[in-house]
Amino acid sequence: MTSAGVDRTRLVSASIWLSDPKYFAEFNAVWDAWVPAGHAPTRACVQALLMKPGCDVEVAVTALSA
């Protein structure tokens, strides 16, 4: 990301897919530690059947470049 002039303070939106809602609190703890305070993007989180067995989370983010 940094090679494109992007860092975690420039996130605009995030889409999160979880294989099971039971992972929501655990995911939020990791997310909150990863996103700098005051820079949380608009976010949507849904339950979905993910295509790769054993994969419990998928995240897609959109960010602004410098």
PDB file of N, CA and C in Angstrom:
ATOM      1  N   MET A   1       0.818  -1.191   0.000  1.00  0.00           N
ATOM      2  CA  MET A   1       0.000   0.000   0.000  1.00  0.00           C
ATOM      3  C   MET A   1       0.863   1.256   0.000  1.00  0.00           C
ATOM      4  N   THR A   2       1.916   1.273   0.787  1.00  0.00           N
ATOM      5  CA  THR A   2       2.705   2.493   0.884  1.00  0.00           C
ATOM      6  C   THR A   2       3.379   2.843  -0.438  1.00  0.00           C
ATOM      7  N   SER A   3       3.705   1.852  -1.255  1.00  0.00           N
ATOM      8  CA  SER A   3       4.327   2.151  -2.549  1.00  0.00           C
ATOM      9  C   SER A   3       3.370   2.894  -3.471  1.00  0.00           C
ATOM     10  N   ALA A   4       2.078   2.794  -3.211  1.00  0.00           N
ATOM     11  CA  ALA A   4       1.069   3.505  -4.004  1.00  0.00           C
ATOM     12  C   ALA A   4       0.661   4.816  -3.337  1.00  0.00           C
ATOM     13  N   GLY A   5       1.340   5.189  -2.252  1.00  0.00           N
ATOM     14  CA  GLY A   5       1.001   6.420  -1.550  1.00  0.00           C
ATOM     15  C   GLY A   5      -0.232   6.272  -0.682  1.00  0.00           C
ATOM     16  N   VAL A   6      -0.480   5.064  -0.225  1.00  0.00           N
ATOM     17  CA  VAL A   6      -1.673   4.777   0.572  1.00  0.00           C
ATOM     18  C   VAL A   6      -1.241   4.197   1.917  1.00  0.00           C
ATOM     19  N   ASP A   7      -1.907   4.631   2.967  1.00  0.00           N
ATOM     20  CA  ASP A   7      -1.716   3.994   4.266  1.00  0.00           C
ATOM     21  C   ASP A   7      -3.085   3.860   4.934  1.00  0.00           C
ATOM     22  N   ARG A   8      -3.111   3.313   6.120  1.00  0.00           N
ATOM     23  CA  ARG A   8      -4.386   3.010   6.793  1.00  0.00           C
ATOM     24  C   ARG A   8      -5.177   4.250   7.193  1.00  0.00           C
ATOM     25  N   THR A   9      -4.572   5.424   7.140  1.00  0.00           N
ATOM     26  CA  THR A   9      -5.315   6.648   7.453  1.00  0.00           C
ATOM     27  C   THR A   9      -6.115   7.131   6.249  1.00  0.00           C
ATOM     28  N   ARG A  10      -5.942   6.512   5.085  1.00  0.00           N
ATOM     29  CA  ARG A  10      -6.598   6.961   3.861  1.00  0.00           C
ATOM     30  C   ARG A  10      -7.693   6.006   3.397  1.00  0.00           C
ATOM     31  N   LEU A  11      -8.108   5.082   4.263  1.00  0.00           N
ATOM     32  CA  LEU A  11      -9.181   4.149   3.911  1.00  0.00           C
ATOM     33  C   LEU A  11     -10.503   4.898   3.799  1.00  0.00           C
ATOM     34  N   VAL A  12     -11.274   4.568   2.765  1.00  0.00           N
ATOM     35  CA  VAL A  12     -12.564   5.201   2.526  1.00  0.00           C
ATOM     36  C   VAL A  12     -13.701   4.263   2.898  1.00  0.00           C
ATOM     37  N   SER A  13     -13.576   3.000   2.507  1.00  0.00           N
ATOM     38  CA  SER A  13     -14.631   2.035   2.805  1.00  0.00           C
ATOM     39  C   SER A  13     -14.036   0.644   2.934  1.00  0.00           C
ATOM     40  N   ALA A  14     -14.774  -0.217   3.616  1.00  0.00           N
ATOM     41  CA  ALA A  14     -14.364  -1.610   3.773  1.00  0.00           C
ATOM     42  C   ALA A  14     -15.591  -2.499   3.712  1.00  0.00           C
ATOM     43  N   SER A  15     -15.452  -3.604   3.007  1.00  0.00           N
ATOM     44  CA  SER A  15     -16.479  -4.645   2.971  1.00  0.00           C
ATOM     45  C   SER A  15     -15.873  -5.879   3.613  1.00  0.00           C
ATOM     46  N   ILE A  16     -16.583  -6.445   4.585  1.00  0.00           N
ATOM     47  CA  ILE A  16     -16.086  -7.596   5.329  1.00  0.00           C
ATOM     48  C   ILE A  16     -17.097  -8.726   5.228  1.00  0.00           C
ATOM     49  N   TRP A  17     -16.595  -9.909   4.919  1.00  0.00           N
ATOM     50  CA  TRP A  17     -17.425 -11.103   4.873  1.00  0.00           C
ATOM     51  C   TRP A  17     -16.893 -12.066   5.920  1.00  0.00           C
ATOM     52  N   LEU A  18     -17.768 -12.519   6.812  1.00  0.00           N
ATOM     53  CA  LEU A  18     -17.408 -13.496   7.834  1.00  0.00           C
ATOM     54  C   LEU A  18     -18.162 -14.789   7.565  1.00  0.00           C
ATOM     55  N   SER A  19     -17.500 -15.925   7.775  1.00  0.00           N
ATOM     56  CA  SER A  19     -18.154 -17.209   7.548  1.00  0.00           C
ATOM     57  C   SER A  19     -19.213 -17.500   8.602  1.00  0.00           C
ATOM     58  N   ASP A  20     -19.086 -16.864   9.774  1.00  0.00           N
ATOM     59  CA  ASP A  20     -20.021 -17.121  10.878  1.00  0.00           C
ATOM     60  C   ASP A  20     -20.068 -15.883  11.771  1.00  0.00           C
ATOM     61  N   PRO A  21     -21.253 -15.467  12.218  1.00  0.00           N
ATOM     62  CA  PRO A  21     -21.356 -14.289  13.088  1.00  0.00           C
ATOM     63  C   PRO A  21     -20.597 -14.437  14.405  1.00  0.00           C
ATOM     64  N   LYS A  22     -20.284 -15.657  14.797  1.00  0.00           N
ATOM     65  CA  LYS A  22     -19.556 -15.852  16.056  1.00  0.00           C
ATOM     66  C   LYS A  22     -18.170 -15.206  16.019  1.00  0.00           C
ATOM     67  N   TYR A  23     -17.659 -14.886  14.826  1.00  0.00           N
ATOM     68  CA  TYR A  23     -16.340 -14.257  14.693  1.00  0.00           C
ATOM     69  C   TYR A  23     -16.398 -12.727  14.746  1.00  0.00           C
ATOM     70  N   PHE A  24     -17.590 -12.155  14.840  1.00  0.00           N
ATOM     71  CA  PHE A  24     -17.747 -10.706  14.745  1.00  0.00           C
ATOM     72  C   PHE A  24     -16.966  -9.946  15.823  1.00  0.00           C
ATOM     73  N   ALA A  25     -17.104 -10.332  17.075  1.00  0.00           N
ATOM     74  CA  ALA A  25     -16.410  -9.630  18.167  1.00  0.00           C
ATOM     75  C   ALA A  25     -14.896  -9.771  18.037  1.00  0.00           C
ATOM     76  N   GLU A  26     -14.439 -10.962  17.710  1.00  0.00           N
ATOM     77  CA  GLU A  26     -12.998 -11.194  17.544  1.00  0.00           C
ATOM     78  C   GLU A  26     -12.454 -10.374  16.366  1.00  0.00           C
ATOM     79  N   PHE A  27     -13.203 -10.339  15.266  1.00  0.00           N
ATOM     80  CA  PHE A  27     -12.781  -9.543  14.122  1.00  0.00           C
ATOM     81  C   PHE A  27     -12.708  -8.061  14.500  1.00  0.00           C
ATOM     82  N   ASN A  28     -13.723  -7.569  15.192  1.00  0.00           N
ATOM     83  CA  ASN A  28     -13.735  -6.157  15.588  1.00  0.00           C
ATOM     84  C   ASN A  28     -12.524  -5.791  16.430  1.00  0.00           C
ATOM     85  N   ALA A  29     -12.097  -6.685  17.319  1.00  0.00           N
ATOM     86  CA  ALA A  29     -10.927  -6.411  18.153  1.00  0.00           C
ATOM     87  C   ALA A  29      -9.682  -6.250  17.285  1.00  0.00           C
ATOM     88  N   VAL A  30      -9.513  -7.129  16.306  1.00  0.00           N
ATOM     89  CA  VAL A  30      -8.360  -7.042  15.403  1.00  0.00           C
ATOM     90  C   VAL A  30      -8.475  -5.794  14.538  1.00  0.00           C
ATOM     91  N   TRP A  31      -9.662  -5.530  14.002  1.00  0.00           N
ATOM     92  CA  TRP A  31      -9.892  -4.367  13.147  1.00  0.00           C
ATOM     93  C   TRP A  31      -9.580  -3.075  13.895  1.00  0.00           C
ATOM     94  N   ASP A  32     -10.104  -2.961  15.118  1.00  0.00           N
ATOM     95  CA  ASP A  32      -9.902  -1.745  15.905  1.00  0.00           C
ATOM     96  C   ASP A  32      -8.422  -1.513  16.217  1.00  0.00           C
ATOM     97  N   ALA A  33      -7.658  -2.573  16.391  1.00  0.00           N
ATOM     98  CA  ALA A  33      -6.219  -2.443  16.636  1.00  0.00           C
ATOM     99  C   ALA A  33      -5.469  -2.074  15.352  1.00  0.00           C
ATOM    100  N   TRP A  34      -5.993  -2.473  14.196  1.00  0.00           N
ATOM    101  CA  TRP A  34      -5.336  -2.245  12.908  1.00  0.00           C
ATOM    102  C   TRP A  34      -5.601  -0.851  12.340  1.00  0.00           C
ATOM    103  N   VAL A  35      -6.826  -0.358  12.498  1.00  0.00           N
ATOM    104  CA  VAL A  35      -7.193   0.952  11.951  1.00  0.00           C
ATOM    105  C   VAL A  35      -6.782   2.046  12.950  1.00  0.00           C
ATOM    106  N   PRO A  36      -6.038   3.056  12.481  1.00  0.00           N
ATOM    107  CA  PRO A  36      -5.636   4.136  13.392  1.00  0.00           C
ATOM    108  C   PRO A  36      -6.857   4.873  13.963  1.00  0.00           C
ATOM    109  N   ALA A  37      -6.780   5.247  15.219  1.00  0.00           N
ATOM    110  CA  ALA A  37      -7.872   5.967  15.874  1.00  0.00           C
ATOM    111  C   ALA A  37      -8.247   7.207  15.068  1.00  0.00           C
ATOM    112  N   GLY A  38      -9.542   7.402  14.870  1.00  0.00           N
ATOM    113  CA  GLY A  38     -10.043   8.549  14.133  1.00  0.00           C
ATOM    114  C   GLY A  38     -10.035   8.389  12.622  1.00  0.00           C
ATOM    115  N   HIS A  39      -9.643   7.207  12.126  1.00  0.00           N
ATOM    116  CA  HIS A  39      -9.554   6.985  10.680  1.00  0.00           C
ATOM    117  C   HIS A  39     -10.353   5.772  10.213  1.00  0.00           C
ATOM    118  N   ALA A  40     -11.336   5.363  10.989  1.00  0.00           N
ATOM    119  CA  ALA A  40     -12.149   4.206  10.593  1.00  0.00           C
ATOM    120  C   ALA A  40     -12.997   4.562   9.371  1.00  0.00           C
ATOM    121  N   PRO A  41     -12.948   3.729   8.335  1.00  0.00           N
ATOM    122  CA  PRO A  41     -13.739   4.002   7.134  1.00  0.00           C
ATOM    123  C   PRO A  41     -15.184   3.550   7.311  1.00  0.00           C
ATOM    124  N   THR A  42     -16.028   3.934   6.364  1.00  0.00           N
ATOM    125  CA  THR A  42     -17.369   3.365   6.295  1.00  0.00           C
ATOM    126  C   THR A  42     -17.201   1.869   6.124  1.00  0.00           C
ATOM    127  N   ARG A  43     -18.028   1.086   6.805  1.00  0.00           N
ATOM    128  CA  ARG A  43     -17.798  -0.354   6.809  1.00  0.00           C
ATOM    129  C   ARG A  43     -19.107  -1.125   6.749  1.00  0.00           C
ATOM    130  N   ALA A  44     -19.091  -2.232   6.010  1.00  0.00           N
ATOM    131  CA  ALA A  44     -20.219  -3.170   5.991  1.00  0.00           C
ATOM    132  C   ALA A  44     -19.666  -4.553   6.299  1.00  0.00           C
ATOM    133  N   CYS A  45     -20.371  -5.292   7.126  1.00  0.00           N
ATOM    134  CA  CYS A  45     -19.932  -6.635   7.508  1.00  0.00           C
ATOM    135  C   CYS A  45     -21.127  -7.576   7.410  1.00  0.00           C
ATOM    136  N   VAL A  46     -20.955  -8.664   6.661  1.00  0.00           N
ATOM    137  CA  VAL A  46     -22.036  -9.626   6.475  1.00  0.00           C
ATOM    138  C   VAL A  46     -21.525 -11.048   6.638  1.00  0.00           C
ATOM    139  N   GLN A  47     -22.446 -11.952   6.878  1.00  0.00           N
ATOM    140  CA  GLN A  47     -22.120 -13.377   6.897  1.00  0.00           C
ATOM    141  C   GLN A  47     -22.221 -13.909   5.476  1.00  0.00           C
ATOM    142  N   ALA A  48     -21.250 -14.747   5.084  1.00  0.00           N
ATOM    143  CA  ALA A  48     -21.260 -15.310   3.736  1.00  0.00           C
ATOM    144  C   ALA A  48     -20.563 -16.658   3.730  1.00  0.00           C
ATOM    145  N   LEU A  49     -20.979 -17.498   2.827  1.00  0.00           N
ATOM    146  CA  LEU A  49     -20.293 -18.756   2.587  1.00  0.00           C
ATOM    147  C   LEU A  49     -19.076 -18.431   1.725  1.00  0.00           C
ATOM    148  N   LEU A  50     -17.890 -18.516   2.313  1.00  0.00           N
ATOM    149  CA  LEU A  50     -16.677 -18.153   1.586  1.00  0.00           C
ATOM    150  C   LEU A  50     -16.205 -19.347   0.755  1.00  0.00           C
ATOM    151  N   MET A  51     -15.565 -19.055  -0.363  1.00  0.00           N
ATOM    152  CA  MET A  51     -15.239 -20.074  -1.349  1.00  0.00           C
ATOM    153  C   MET A  51     -14.097 -21.004  -0.955  1.00  0.00           C
ATOM    154  N   LYS A  52     -13.170 -20.543  -0.141  1.00  0.00           N
ATOM    155  CA  LYS A  52     -12.025 -21.368   0.227  1.00  0.00           C
ATOM    156  C   LYS A  52     -12.292 -22.029   1.580  1.00  0.00           C
ATOM    157  N   PRO A  53     -12.319 -23.356   1.642  1.00  0.00           N
ATOM    158  CA  PRO A  53     -12.533 -24.041   2.920  1.00  0.00           C
ATOM    159  C   PRO A  53     -11.505 -23.597   3.964  1.00  0.00           C
ATOM    160  N   GLY A  54     -11.978 -23.329   5.171  1.00  0.00           N
ATOM    161  CA  GLY A  54     -11.101 -22.896   6.251  1.00  0.00           C
ATOM    162  C   GLY A  54     -10.883 -21.394   6.295  1.00  0.00           C
ATOM    163  N   CYS A  55     -11.365 -20.680   5.299  1.00  0.00           N
ATOM    164  CA  CYS A  55     -11.266 -19.222   5.280  1.00  0.00           C
ATOM    165  C   CYS A  55     -12.483 -18.659   6.013  1.00  0.00           C
ATOM    166  N   ASP A  56     -12.245 -17.904   7.066  1.00  0.00           N
ATOM    167  CA  ASP A  56     -13.352 -17.394   7.880  1.00  0.00           C
ATOM    168  C   ASP A  56     -13.621 -15.911   7.701  1.00  0.00           C
ATOM    169  N   VAL A  57     -12.715 -15.195   7.058  1.00  0.00           N
ATOM    170  CA  VAL A  57     -12.901 -13.765   6.867  1.00  0.00           C
ATOM    171  C   VAL A  57     -12.299 -13.322   5.526  1.00  0.00           C
ATOM    172  N   GLU A  58     -12.980 -12.391   4.891  1.00  0.00           N
ATOM    173  CA  GLU A  58     -12.447 -11.746   3.688  1.00  0.00           C
ATOM    174  C   GLU A  58     -12.729 -10.265   3.825  1.00  0.00           C
ATOM    175  N   VAL A  59     -11.753  -9.437   3.454  1.00  0.00           N
ATOM    176  CA  VAL A  59     -11.887  -7.996   3.586  1.00  0.00           C
ATOM    177  C   VAL A  59     -11.466  -7.341   2.266  1.00  0.00           C
ATOM    178  N   ALA A  60     -12.257  -6.391   1.802  1.00  0.00           N
ATOM    179  CA  ALA A  60     -11.913  -5.577   0.643  1.00  0.00           C
ATOM    180  C   ALA A  60     -11.991  -4.126   1.064  1.00  0.00           C
ATOM    181  N   VAL A  61     -10.930  -3.366   0.832  1.00  0.00           N
ATOM    182  CA  VAL A  61     -10.921  -1.960   1.215  1.00  0.00           C
ATOM    183  C   VAL A  61     -10.707  -1.079  -0.013  1.00  0.00           C
ATOM    184  N   THR A  62     -11.240   0.128   0.070  1.00  0.00           N
ATOM    185  CA  THR A  62     -10.998   1.168  -0.914  1.00  0.00           C
ATOM    186  C   THR A  62     -10.303   2.297  -0.180  1.00  0.00           C
ATOM    187  N   ALA A  63      -9.231   2.833  -0.786  1.00  0.00           N
ATOM    188  CA  ALA A  63      -8.464   3.905  -0.150  1.00  0.00           C
ATOM    189  C   ALA A  63      -8.099   4.956  -1.188  1.00  0.00           C
ATOM    190  N   LEU A  64      -7.832   6.151  -0.686  1.00  0.00           N
ATOM    191  CA  LEU A  64      -7.376   7.250  -1.544  1.00  0.00           C
ATOM    192  C   LEU A  64      -5.858   7.226  -1.628  1.00  0.00           C
ATOM    193  N   SER A  65      -5.325   7.451  -2.812  1.00  0.00           N
ATOM    194  CA  SER A  65      -3.864   7.547  -2.941  1.00  0.00           C
ATOM    195  C   SER A  65      -3.449   8.997  -2.717  1.00  0.00           C
ATOM    196  N   ALA A  66      -2.183   9.157  -2.451  1.00  0.00           N
ATOM    197  CA  ALA A  66      -1.661  10.502  -2.179  1.00  0.00           C
ATOM    198  C   ALA A  66      -1.527  11.313  -3.442  1.00  0.00           C
TER     199      ALA A  66
END
